[in-house]
Amino acid sequence: MADIINEKETDSVRLLRECDAGAKMAVSSIDEVLEKVSGPALKQLLQESREHHEKLENEIHSLLANYGSEEKEPAAMAKGMSWIKTNVKMTMDDSDATVADLITDGCNMGTKSLNRYLNQYRGADHASRELCGRLISIEEKLCRDMKSWL
């Protein structure tokens, strides 16, 4: 019985930590492009999405604290590659269409990773899985919302 509880706790913590890194990556990516956005509607949409990600991040931190676990920062390599891609693309074309393209790519990578983690950590508790599902939904919605700027 203790092994089942321990496995659930371990999978829950692992899933939450990946969600934490993903939410932080999303906020960082939005911050990178926000100042380059010219259209007020796109800027508003990105600011709202950033707020949704931060709210979910706070919920993730609360659950991680309940498990006695620390937060997880995004991988340095992933952050570095994202920064390079964003800055190269924005240097070549700093339009709102480029911002939408970058955000769409980020959302697609995020949902792919989060779905992989949901499958990998099947022993995670309901609250952790539900939170991950909400993060996936936020990413999918943002991706859909970007279509009118592509």
N, C-alpha and C. Protein backbone atom coordinates (compact mmCIF):
# COMPACT_ATOMS: atom_id res chain seq x y z
N MET A 1 0.82 -1.19 0.00
CA MET A 1 0.00 0.00 0.00
C MET A 1 0.86 1.26 0.00
N ALA A 2 1.92 1.28 0.78
CA ALA A 2 2.81 2.45 0.84
C ALA A 2 3.47 2.69 -0.51
N ASP A 3 3.77 1.60 -1.24
CA ASP A 3 4.38 1.76 -2.56
C ASP A 3 3.42 2.45 -3.53
N ILE A 4 2.14 2.12 -3.46
CA ILE A 4 1.16 2.74 -4.34
C ILE A 4 1.04 4.23 -4.02
N ILE A 5 0.98 4.57 -2.75
CA ILE A 5 0.91 5.97 -2.35
C ILE A 5 2.18 6.70 -2.76
N ASN A 6 3.32 6.09 -2.54
CA ASN A 6 4.60 6.70 -2.89
C ASN A 6 4.72 6.90 -4.39
N GLU A 7 4.26 5.93 -5.20
CA GLU A 7 4.31 6.06 -6.66
C GLU A 7 3.42 7.20 -7.13
N LYS A 8 2.23 7.28 -6.53
CA LYS A 8 1.28 8.35 -6.90
C LYS A 8 1.90 9.71 -6.56
N GLU A 9 2.50 9.79 -5.36
CA GLU A 9 3.13 11.05 -4.96
C GLU A 9 4.29 11.39 -5.88
N THR A 10 5.11 10.41 -6.23
CA THR A 10 6.24 10.65 -7.11
C THR A 10 5.78 11.09 -8.49
N ASP A 11 4.82 10.39 -9.08
CA ASP A 11 4.31 10.77 -10.40
C ASP A 11 3.63 12.13 -10.34
N SER A 12 2.92 12.41 -9.26
CA SER A 12 2.26 13.71 -9.11
C SER A 12 3.30 14.83 -9.08
N VAL A 13 4.32 14.65 -8.27
CA VAL A 13 5.38 15.67 -8.16
C VAL A 13 6.08 15.84 -9.50
N ARG A 14 6.40 14.75 -10.17
CA ARG A 14 7.08 14.86 -11.46
C ARG A 14 6.22 15.59 -12.49
N LEU A 15 4.93 15.26 -12.53
CA LEU A 15 4.03 15.91 -13.47
C LEU A 15 3.90 17.40 -13.14
N LEU A 16 3.73 17.71 -11.87
CA LEU A 16 3.59 19.11 -11.46
C LEU A 16 4.86 19.90 -11.77
N ARG A 17 6.00 19.31 -11.58
CA ARG A 17 7.26 20.01 -11.85
C ARG A 17 7.40 20.30 -13.35
N GLU A 18 6.97 19.37 -14.19
CA GLU A 18 7.01 19.61 -15.64
C GLU A 18 6.01 20.69 -16.03
N CYS A 19 4.85 20.68 -15.40
CA CYS A 19 3.86 21.73 -15.64
C CYS A 19 4.41 23.09 -15.21
N ASP A 20 5.10 23.11 -14.08
CA ASP A 20 5.69 24.34 -13.58
C ASP A 20 6.70 24.89 -14.58
N ALA A 21 7.58 24.03 -15.06
CA ALA A 21 8.58 24.47 -16.04
C ALA A 21 7.90 24.96 -17.32
N GLY A 22 6.85 24.27 -17.73
CA GLY A 22 6.12 24.67 -18.94
C GLY A 22 5.43 26.01 -18.79
N ALA A 23 4.79 26.23 -17.65
CA ALA A 23 4.11 27.50 -17.41
C ALA A 23 5.12 28.65 -17.34
N LYS A 24 6.24 28.41 -16.71
CA LYS A 24 7.29 29.43 -16.64
C LYS A 24 7.84 29.74 -18.03
N MET A 25 7.99 28.70 -18.85
CA MET A 25 8.49 28.89 -20.21
C MET A 25 7.49 29.73 -21.01
N ALA A 26 6.21 29.48 -20.83
CA ALA A 26 5.18 30.23 -21.54
C ALA A 26 5.22 31.70 -21.14
N VAL A 27 5.30 31.98 -19.84
CA VAL A 27 5.35 33.36 -19.36
C VAL A 27 6.59 34.06 -19.92
N SER A 28 7.71 33.38 -19.88
CA SER A 28 8.96 33.94 -20.39
C SER A 28 8.86 34.24 -21.89
N SER A 29 8.26 33.33 -22.64
CA SER A 29 8.12 33.53 -24.09
C SER A 29 7.20 34.70 -24.40
N ILE A 30 6.11 34.80 -23.67
CA ILE A 30 5.19 35.93 -23.87
C ILE A 30 5.90 37.24 -23.53
N ASP A 31 6.64 37.24 -22.43
CA ASP A 31 7.38 38.45 -22.04
C ASP A 31 8.37 38.87 -23.13
N GLU A 32 9.01 37.89 -23.77
CA GLU A 32 9.99 38.18 -24.80
C GLU A 32 9.40 38.92 -26.00
N VAL A 33 8.17 38.60 -26.35
CA VAL A 33 7.59 39.19 -27.56
C VAL A 33 6.63 40.34 -27.28
N LEU A 34 6.16 40.46 -26.06
CA LEU A 34 5.11 41.42 -25.75
C LEU A 34 5.45 42.86 -26.14
N GLU A 35 6.67 43.27 -25.87
CA GLU A 35 7.06 44.65 -26.18
C GLU A 35 7.19 44.90 -27.69
N LYS A 36 7.24 43.83 -28.47
CA LYS A 36 7.39 43.97 -29.91
C LYS A 36 6.04 43.98 -30.64
N VAL A 37 4.96 43.71 -29.91
CA VAL A 37 3.63 43.65 -30.51
C VAL A 37 3.14 45.06 -30.78
N SER A 38 2.60 45.27 -31.99
CA SER A 38 2.10 46.60 -32.33
C SER A 38 0.58 46.71 -32.19
N GLY A 39 -0.14 45.63 -32.44
CA GLY A 39 -1.60 45.68 -32.39
C GLY A 39 -2.12 45.55 -30.98
N PRO A 40 -3.05 46.45 -30.58
CA PRO A 40 -3.58 46.41 -29.21
C PRO A 40 -4.36 45.12 -28.91
N ALA A 41 -5.05 44.55 -29.89
CA ALA A 41 -5.83 43.33 -29.63
C ALA A 41 -4.90 42.15 -29.34
N LEU A 42 -3.83 42.04 -30.10
CA LEU A 42 -2.87 40.95 -29.87
C LEU A 42 -2.17 41.15 -28.52
N LYS A 43 -1.80 42.38 -28.24
CA LYS A 43 -1.14 42.67 -26.96
C LYS A 43 -2.04 42.29 -25.79
N GLN A 44 -3.32 42.65 -25.87
CA GLN A 44 -4.29 42.33 -24.82
C GLN A 44 -4.43 40.81 -24.66
N LEU A 45 -4.53 40.11 -25.78
CA LEU A 45 -4.67 38.65 -25.76
C LEU A 45 -3.46 38.00 -25.09
N LEU A 46 -2.27 38.45 -25.42
CA LEU A 46 -1.05 37.89 -24.83
C LEU A 46 -0.96 38.22 -23.34
N GLN A 47 -1.36 39.43 -22.96
CA GLN A 47 -1.33 39.79 -21.54
C GLN A 47 -2.31 38.94 -20.73
N GLU A 48 -3.49 38.69 -21.30
CA GLU A 48 -4.47 37.84 -20.62
C GLU A 48 -3.96 36.42 -20.49
N SER A 49 -3.34 35.90 -21.54
CA SER A 49 -2.80 34.54 -21.49
C SER A 49 -1.68 34.45 -20.47
N ARG A 50 -0.87 35.47 -20.41
CA ARG A 50 0.22 35.51 -19.42
C ARG A 50 -0.36 35.43 -18.01
N GLU A 51 -1.43 36.18 -17.77
CA GLU A 51 -2.09 36.16 -16.45
C GLU A 51 -2.66 34.78 -16.13
N HIS A 52 -3.25 34.11 -17.13
CA HIS A 52 -3.78 32.76 -16.92
C HIS A 52 -2.65 31.80 -16.56
N HIS A 53 -1.52 31.91 -17.26
CA HIS A 53 -0.38 31.05 -16.98
C HIS A 53 0.16 31.30 -15.57
N GLU A 54 0.24 32.57 -15.18
CA GLU A 54 0.75 32.88 -13.85
C GLU A 54 -0.18 32.38 -12.75
N LYS A 55 -1.49 32.50 -12.97
CA LYS A 55 -2.46 32.00 -12.00
C LYS A 55 -2.29 30.49 -11.83
N LEU A 56 -2.16 29.79 -12.94
CA LEU A 56 -1.98 28.34 -12.88
C LEU A 56 -0.64 27.99 -12.22
N GLU A 57 0.37 28.79 -12.50
CA GLU A 57 1.68 28.59 -11.87
C GLU A 57 1.56 28.65 -10.35
N ASN A 58 0.78 29.60 -9.85
CA ASN A 58 0.57 29.71 -8.40
C ASN A 58 -0.11 28.46 -7.84
N GLU A 59 -1.07 27.92 -8.58
CA GLU A 59 -1.73 26.69 -8.15
C GLU A 59 -0.75 25.51 -8.15
N ILE A 60 0.09 25.46 -9.15
CA ILE A 60 1.12 24.41 -9.24
C ILE A 60 2.04 24.50 -8.03
N HIS A 61 2.49 25.72 -7.72
CA HIS A 61 3.40 25.92 -6.58
C HIS A 61 2.75 25.47 -5.28
N SER A 62 1.47 25.74 -5.15
CA SER A 62 0.75 25.35 -3.94
C SER A 62 0.70 23.82 -3.81
N LEU A 63 0.39 23.13 -4.91
CA LEU A 63 0.37 21.66 -4.87
C LEU A 63 1.77 21.09 -4.61
N LEU A 64 2.77 21.68 -5.25
CA LEU A 64 4.14 21.22 -5.02
C LEU A 64 4.53 21.40 -3.55
N ALA A 65 4.13 22.50 -2.96
CA ALA A 65 4.42 22.75 -1.54
C ALA A 65 3.73 21.71 -0.66
N ASN A 66 2.51 21.32 -1.04
CA ASN A 66 1.80 20.28 -0.28
C ASN A 66 2.57 18.96 -0.30
N TYR A 67 3.27 18.70 -1.40
CA TYR A 67 4.08 17.49 -1.52
C TYR A 67 5.48 17.69 -0.94
N GLY A 68 5.79 18.90 -0.51
CA GLY A 68 7.12 19.19 0.02
C GLY A 68 8.18 19.24 -1.06
N SER A 69 7.78 19.62 -2.27
CA SER A 69 8.71 19.66 -3.40
C SER A 69 8.96 21.09 -3.86
N GLU A 70 10.08 21.26 -4.51
CA GLU A 70 10.49 22.55 -5.03
C GLU A 70 9.93 22.78 -6.43
N GLU A 71 9.98 24.03 -6.86
CA GLU A 71 9.59 24.40 -8.21
C GLU A 71 10.64 23.88 -9.20
N LYS A 72 10.28 23.92 -10.49
CA LYS A 72 11.24 23.50 -11.51
C LYS A 72 11.36 24.60 -12.55
N GLU A 73 12.58 25.00 -12.81
CA GLU A 73 12.85 25.99 -13.86
C GLU A 73 12.92 25.27 -15.21
N PRO A 74 12.55 25.98 -16.28
CA PRO A 74 12.71 25.37 -17.61
C PRO A 74 14.18 25.06 -17.87
N ALA A 75 14.43 24.08 -18.71
CA ALA A 75 15.80 23.70 -19.04
C ALA A 75 16.52 24.89 -19.68
N ALA A 76 17.74 25.12 -19.27
CA ALA A 76 18.51 26.26 -19.79
C ALA A 76 18.65 26.18 -21.31
N MET A 77 18.85 24.99 -21.83
CA MET A 77 18.99 24.81 -23.28
C MET A 77 17.71 25.21 -24.00
N ALA A 78 16.57 24.81 -23.47
CA ALA A 78 15.28 25.15 -24.09
C ALA A 78 15.06 26.66 -24.05
N LYS A 79 15.36 27.28 -22.93
CA LYS A 79 15.20 28.73 -22.83
C LYS A 79 16.14 29.45 -23.79
N GLY A 80 17.36 28.98 -23.87
CA GLY A 80 18.35 29.59 -24.76
C GLY A 80 17.96 29.48 -26.22
N MET A 81 17.51 28.30 -26.60
CA MET A 81 17.11 28.08 -28.00
C MET A 81 15.89 28.93 -28.33
N SER A 82 14.97 29.04 -27.41
CA SER A 82 13.77 29.86 -27.61
C SER A 82 14.17 31.33 -27.78
N TRP A 83 15.06 31.79 -26.95
CA TRP A 83 15.52 33.18 -27.02
C TRP A 83 16.18 33.46 -28.36
N ILE A 84 17.05 32.56 -28.80
CA ILE A 84 17.74 32.72 -30.09
C ILE A 84 16.73 32.75 -31.24
N LYS A 85 15.83 31.77 -31.26
CA LYS A 85 14.83 31.70 -32.33
C LYS A 85 13.99 32.96 -32.37
N THR A 86 13.53 33.40 -31.22
CA THR A 86 12.70 34.61 -31.15
C THR A 86 13.45 35.82 -31.66
N ASN A 87 14.66 36.00 -31.21
CA ASN A 87 15.40 37.20 -31.59
C ASN A 87 15.84 37.19 -33.05
N VAL A 88 16.19 36.03 -33.58
CA VAL A 88 16.54 35.95 -35.00
C VAL A 88 15.32 36.25 -35.86
N LYS A 89 14.20 35.60 -35.56
CA LYS A 89 12.98 35.83 -36.35
C LYS A 89 12.50 37.28 -36.24
N MET A 90 12.53 37.83 -35.05
CA MET A 90 12.05 39.19 -34.86
C MET A 90 12.99 40.21 -35.51
N THR A 91 14.27 39.89 -35.61
CA THR A 91 15.22 40.78 -36.29
C THR A 91 14.91 40.82 -37.78
N MET A 92 14.54 39.68 -38.35
CA MET A 92 14.24 39.60 -39.77
C MET A 92 12.87 40.21 -40.09
N ASP A 93 11.91 40.04 -39.19
CA ASP A 93 10.54 40.54 -39.42
C ASP A 93 9.87 40.72 -38.06
N ASP A 94 9.72 41.97 -37.65
CA ASP A 94 9.17 42.22 -36.32
C ASP A 94 7.66 42.50 -36.35
N SER A 95 6.96 41.82 -37.23
CA SER A 95 5.51 42.01 -37.36
C SER A 95 4.73 41.19 -36.33
N ASP A 96 3.47 41.53 -36.18
CA ASP A 96 2.60 40.76 -35.30
C ASP A 96 2.41 39.34 -35.82
N ALA A 97 2.51 39.15 -37.14
CA ALA A 97 2.41 37.81 -37.72
C ALA A 97 3.58 36.93 -37.25
N THR A 98 4.75 37.53 -37.13
CA THR A 98 5.92 36.77 -36.63
C THR A 98 5.72 36.41 -35.17
N VAL A 99 5.19 37.34 -34.39
CA VAL A 99 4.90 37.06 -32.98
C VAL A 99 3.91 35.90 -32.89
N ALA A 100 2.84 35.96 -33.69
CA ALA A 100 1.83 34.89 -33.68
C ALA A 100 2.44 33.56 -34.08
N ASP A 101 3.34 33.58 -35.04
CA ASP A 101 4.02 32.36 -35.47
C ASP A 101 4.87 31.77 -34.34
N LEU A 102 5.62 32.60 -33.68
CA LEU A 102 6.46 32.15 -32.57
C LEU A 102 5.62 31.60 -31.42
N ILE A 103 4.56 32.30 -31.07
CA ILE A 103 3.69 31.86 -29.97
C ILE A 103 3.01 30.54 -30.35
N THR A 104 2.57 30.42 -31.59
CA THR A 104 1.94 29.17 -32.05
C THR A 104 2.91 28.00 -31.94
N ASP A 105 4.15 28.21 -32.37
CA ASP A 105 5.15 27.14 -32.26
C ASP A 105 5.37 26.75 -30.79
N GLY A 106 5.45 27.75 -29.92
CA GLY A 106 5.64 27.48 -28.50
C GLY A 106 4.47 26.71 -27.90
N CYS A 107 3.26 27.11 -28.26
CA CYS A 107 2.07 26.41 -27.76
C CYS A 107 2.05 24.96 -28.22
N ASN A 108 2.38 24.75 -29.48
CA ASN A 108 2.40 23.38 -30.01
C ASN A 108 3.44 22.51 -29.30
N MET A 109 4.62 23.08 -29.07
CA MET A 109 5.65 22.32 -28.35
C MET A 109 5.21 22.06 -26.91
N GLY A 110 4.57 23.05 -26.29
CA GLY A 110 4.10 22.88 -24.91
C GLY A 110 3.04 21.81 -24.78
N THR A 111 2.04 21.83 -25.66
CA THR A 111 0.97 20.83 -25.56
C THR A 111 1.51 19.43 -25.86
N LYS A 112 2.42 19.34 -26.79
CA LYS A 112 3.03 18.04 -27.10
C LYS A 112 3.76 17.48 -25.87
N SER A 113 4.57 18.32 -25.25
CA SER A 113 5.33 17.88 -24.07
C SER A 113 4.41 17.54 -22.92
N LEU A 114 3.44 18.39 -22.65
CA LEU A 114 2.54 18.15 -21.52
C LEU A 114 1.72 16.87 -21.71
N ASN A 115 1.27 16.61 -22.92
CA ASN A 115 0.54 15.36 -23.18
C ASN A 115 1.45 14.15 -22.99
N ARG A 116 2.71 14.28 -23.39
CA ARG A 116 3.67 13.20 -23.18
C ARG A 116 3.85 12.94 -21.68
N TYR A 117 3.96 14.02 -20.89
CA TYR A 117 4.12 13.85 -19.44
C TYR A 117 2.87 13.26 -18.80
N LEU A 118 1.70 13.65 -19.28
CA LEU A 118 0.46 13.05 -18.76
C LEU A 118 0.47 11.54 -18.97
N ASN A 119 0.93 11.11 -20.14
CA ASN A 119 1.01 9.67 -20.42
C ASN A 119 2.12 8.99 -19.63
N GLN A 120 3.21 9.69 -19.45
CA GLN A 120 4.36 9.12 -18.74
C GLN A 120 4.09 8.96 -17.25
N TYR A 121 3.41 9.92 -16.66
CA TYR A 121 3.17 9.90 -15.22
C TYR A 121 1.72 9.54 -14.92
N ARG A 122 1.33 8.37 -15.36
CA ARG A 122 -0.05 7.89 -15.21
C ARG A 122 -0.48 7.73 -13.76
N GLY A 123 0.48 7.58 -12.86
CA GLY A 123 0.16 7.40 -11.45
C GLY A 123 -0.10 8.70 -10.71
N ALA A 124 -0.03 9.83 -11.41
CA ALA A 124 -0.25 11.12 -10.76
C ALA A 124 -1.69 11.22 -10.25
N ASP A 125 -1.86 11.93 -9.18
CA ASP A 125 -3.20 12.08 -8.59
C ASP A 125 -4.11 12.93 -9.48
N HIS A 126 -5.39 12.88 -9.16
CA HIS A 126 -6.39 13.57 -9.97
C HIS A 126 -6.13 15.08 -10.06
N ALA A 127 -5.79 15.69 -8.94
CA ALA A 127 -5.57 17.14 -8.92
C ALA A 127 -4.42 17.55 -9.84
N SER A 128 -3.34 16.78 -9.84
CA SER A 128 -2.19 17.08 -10.68
C SER A 128 -2.52 16.89 -12.15
N ARG A 129 -3.23 15.82 -12.46
CA ARG A 129 -3.62 15.54 -13.86
C ARG A 129 -4.60 16.61 -14.36
N GLU A 130 -5.52 17.03 -13.50
CA GLU A 130 -6.50 18.04 -13.88
C GLU A 130 -5.80 19.37 -14.13
N LEU A 131 -4.86 19.72 -13.29
CA LEU A 131 -4.12 20.95 -13.46
C LEU A 131 -3.33 20.94 -14.77
N CYS A 132 -2.72 19.81 -15.07
CA CYS A 132 -1.99 19.66 -16.33
C CYS A 132 -2.95 19.82 -17.51
N GLY A 133 -4.12 19.24 -17.41
CA GLY A 133 -5.13 19.37 -18.46
C GLY A 133 -5.55 20.82 -18.66
N ARG A 134 -5.65 21.56 -17.57
CA ARG A 134 -6.00 22.98 -17.69
C ARG A 134 -4.89 23.77 -18.38
N LEU A 135 -3.65 23.43 -18.07
CA LEU A 135 -2.52 24.10 -18.73
C LEU A 135 -2.52 23.78 -20.23
N ILE A 136 -2.79 22.54 -20.57
CA ILE A 136 -2.89 22.16 -21.98
C ILE A 136 -4.01 22.96 -22.66
N SER A 137 -5.14 23.10 -22.00
CA SER A 137 -6.27 23.86 -22.55
C SER A 137 -5.91 25.32 -22.80
N ILE A 138 -5.18 25.92 -21.87
CA ILE A 138 -4.74 27.31 -22.03
C ILE A 138 -3.84 27.44 -23.26
N GLU A 139 -2.93 26.49 -23.40
CA GLU A 139 -2.01 26.50 -24.55
C GLU A 139 -2.77 26.31 -25.87
N GLU A 140 -3.71 25.37 -25.88
CA GLU A 140 -4.50 25.12 -27.09
C GLU A 140 -5.34 26.34 -27.47
N LYS A 141 -5.92 26.99 -26.48
CA LYS A 141 -6.73 28.19 -26.74
C LYS A 141 -5.86 29.31 -27.30
N LEU A 142 -4.70 29.52 -26.72
CA LEU A 142 -3.81 30.57 -27.21
C LEU A 142 -3.39 30.28 -28.65
N CYS A 143 -3.12 29.03 -28.94
CA CYS A 143 -2.76 28.63 -30.31
C CYS A 143 -3.90 28.96 -31.29
N ARG A 144 -5.13 28.61 -30.91
CA ARG A 144 -6.29 28.92 -31.76
C ARG A 144 -6.45 30.43 -31.94
N ASP A 145 -6.25 31.17 -30.85
CA ASP A 145 -6.42 32.62 -30.90
C ASP A 145 -5.38 33.30 -31.79
N MET A 146 -4.23 32.68 -31.98
CA MET A 146 -3.15 33.26 -32.79
C MET A 146 -3.46 33.16 -34.29
N LYS A 147 -4.37 32.30 -34.68
CA LYS A 147 -4.61 32.04 -36.10
C LYS A 147 -4.97 33.29 -36.91
N SER A 148 -5.69 34.22 -36.31
CA SER A 148 -6.09 35.41 -37.06
C SER A 148 -4.91 36.37 -37.31
N TRP A 149 -3.79 36.15 -36.67
CA TRP A 149 -2.60 37.01 -36.91
C TRP A 149 -1.55 36.32 -37.78
N LEU A 150 -1.73 35.05 -38.07
CA LEU A 150 -0.74 34.33 -38.88
C LEU A 150 -0.77 34.79 -40.33
